[in-house]
Amino acid sequence: MHEISIAENLKELVLEAAEKAHLSRVSRITVCFGQMVQIVPDIFRFAFSECVRDTMAMGAELDIEIIPVKIKCRNCMEELTIQSDLFMCGNCESDDIEIIEGKELFVKSIEGE
C-alpha cells in the first residue's frame, strides 16, 4: 500500500508550501496521478487525512486527477491514449511503444488563507 508513503510525502510538500506562502490554513489541494501510479483514490484520501491530522491542512479538500496512459508508437509514430491493459499501438498493432504520459505524480495546486 504505497498510498501511505505518498500521502506522507504530500503532507510535507503541502505544509512547506503553505508556510512559504504564509498561509494559516490549507483549504484545498489538487494532486495529479498518472494511471500507472495505481493509486486507489479512497485509500489515498483516507491516508492523507490521517497524515495531516492536527496540522494546518486538516480538513482540506483533496481533489485527485488521474492522467490516462498515453503512448507513442515507434513504428508508425502515432500518439494514442491506452484504453485497456494492452500496451500496443491501436493503429498498427506494434508493441514497440514509448509511454509519454501516465507515470506522473505532482501537486497541481494548493489553496488556503
Protein backbone atom coordinates (compact mmCIF):
# COMPACT_ATOMS: atom_id res chain seq x y z
CA MET A 1 0.00 0.00 0.00
CA HIS A 2 2.16 2.85 -1.32
CA GLU A 3 -0.65 5.36 -0.72
CA ILE A 4 0.59 5.93 2.84
CA SER A 5 4.14 6.89 1.85
CA ILE A 6 2.89 9.13 -0.96
CA ALA A 7 0.40 10.76 1.45
CA GLU A 8 3.21 11.40 3.94
CA ASN A 9 5.37 12.99 1.22
CA LEU A 10 2.42 15.08 0.05
CA LYS A 11 1.85 16.32 3.59
CA GLU A 12 5.45 17.54 3.80
CA LEU A 13 5.20 19.32 0.43
CA VAL A 14 1.88 20.95 1.30
CA LEU A 15 2.97 22.16 4.72
CA GLU A 16 6.24 23.53 3.34
CA ALA A 17 4.46 25.37 0.51
CA ALA A 18 1.80 26.72 2.89
CA GLU A 19 4.46 28.00 5.26
CA LYS A 20 6.34 29.74 2.41
CA ALA A 21 3.07 31.35 1.27
CA HIS A 22 2.30 32.45 4.86
CA LEU A 23 -0.97 30.51 4.95
CA SER A 24 -2.63 29.81 8.28
CA ARG A 25 -4.90 27.13 6.83
CA VAL A 26 -4.92 24.92 3.72
CA SER A 27 -8.42 24.52 2.29
CA ARG A 28 -7.92 22.60 -0.98
CA ILE A 29 -5.21 20.54 -2.64
CA THR A 30 -5.27 19.18 -6.19
CA VAL A 31 -2.98 16.24 -6.90
CA CYS A 32 -2.41 14.57 -10.27
CA PHE A 33 -1.54 10.88 -10.54
CA GLY A 34 -0.66 9.04 -13.71
CA GLN A 35 -2.80 5.95 -14.17
CA MET A 36 0.32 3.78 -13.90
CA VAL A 37 0.96 5.01 -10.35
CA GLN A 38 -2.07 2.87 -9.47
CA ILE A 39 -3.42 4.95 -6.62
CA VAL A 40 -6.72 3.92 -5.07
CA PRO A 41 -8.32 7.35 -4.53
CA ASP A 42 -10.40 6.45 -1.46
CA ILE A 43 -7.44 4.83 0.28
CA PHE A 44 -5.24 7.79 -0.60
CA ARG A 45 -7.80 10.30 0.71
CA PHE A 46 -8.02 8.40 3.99
CA ALA A 47 -4.23 8.10 4.32
CA PHE A 48 -3.77 11.80 3.59
CA SER A 49 -6.45 12.85 6.08
CA GLU A 50 -4.66 10.81 8.75
CA CYS A 51 -1.28 12.28 7.84
CA VAL A 52 -2.49 15.89 8.12
CA ARG A 53 -4.40 15.42 11.36
CA ASP A 54 -3.58 18.29 13.76
CA THR A 55 -1.87 20.35 11.04
CA MET A 56 -2.93 23.46 9.09
CA ALA A 57 -4.07 21.09 6.29
CA MET A 58 -6.51 19.15 8.47
CA GLY A 59 -9.91 19.10 6.77
CA ALA A 60 -8.56 20.33 3.43
CA GLU A 61 -10.49 19.15 0.40
CA LEU A 62 -8.36 16.77 -1.67
CA ASP A 63 -9.03 16.70 -5.41
CA ILE A 64 -7.43 13.81 -7.28
CA GLU A 65 -6.99 13.90 -11.05
CA ILE A 66 -5.99 10.71 -12.86
CA ILE A 67 -3.90 11.17 -16.02
CA PRO A 68 -4.52 8.37 -18.55
CA VAL A 69 -1.68 6.41 -20.12
CA LYS A 70 -0.61 7.88 -23.44
CA ILE A 71 1.83 6.14 -25.75
CA LYS A 72 3.78 6.96 -28.88
CA CYS A 73 4.31 4.14 -31.35
CA ARG A 74 7.90 3.93 -32.54
CA ASN A 75 6.71 2.10 -35.66
CA CYS A 76 4.06 4.45 -37.09
CA MET A 77 4.71 7.47 -34.78
CA GLU A 78 1.02 7.63 -33.75
CA GLU A 79 0.23 9.02 -30.28
CA LEU A 80 -2.65 7.23 -28.56
CA THR A 81 -4.35 7.07 -25.17
CA ILE A 82 -4.45 3.49 -23.90
CA GLN A 83 -7.96 2.25 -23.10
CA SER A 84 -7.03 -1.26 -21.92
CA ASP A 85 -4.23 -3.21 -20.27
CA LEU A 86 -2.69 -3.98 -23.67
CA PHE A 87 0.22 -1.67 -24.28
CA MET A 88 0.33 -1.74 -28.04
CA CYS A 89 -0.46 0.63 -30.86
CA GLY A 90 -4.13 0.64 -31.78
CA ASN A 91 -3.20 1.91 -35.23
CA CYS A 92 -0.58 -0.60 -36.46
CA GLU A 93 -0.69 -3.10 -33.55
CA SER A 94 3.04 -2.76 -32.85
CA ASP A 95 4.27 -3.28 -29.30
CA ASP A 96 7.29 -1.04 -29.92
CA ILE A 97 5.93 1.88 -27.91
CA GLU A 98 7.10 4.66 -25.63
CA ILE A 99 4.99 5.73 -22.65
CA ILE A 100 4.75 9.52 -22.81
CA GLU A 101 2.09 10.15 -20.13
CA GLY A 102 0.60 8.23 -17.25
CA LYS A 103 3.51 7.89 -14.80
CA GLU A 104 3.28 11.41 -13.33
CA LEU A 105 2.71 12.32 -9.72
CA PHE A 106 2.57 16.03 -8.86
CA VAL A 107 0.77 18.69 -6.86
CA LYS A 108 -1.25 20.85 -9.23
CA SER A 109 -2.43 23.43 -6.71
CA ILE A 110 -2.68 24.33 -3.04
CA GLU A 111 -5.29 26.80 -1.81
CA GLY A 112 -5.67 28.37 1.59
CA GLU A 113 -5.91 31.53 3.59
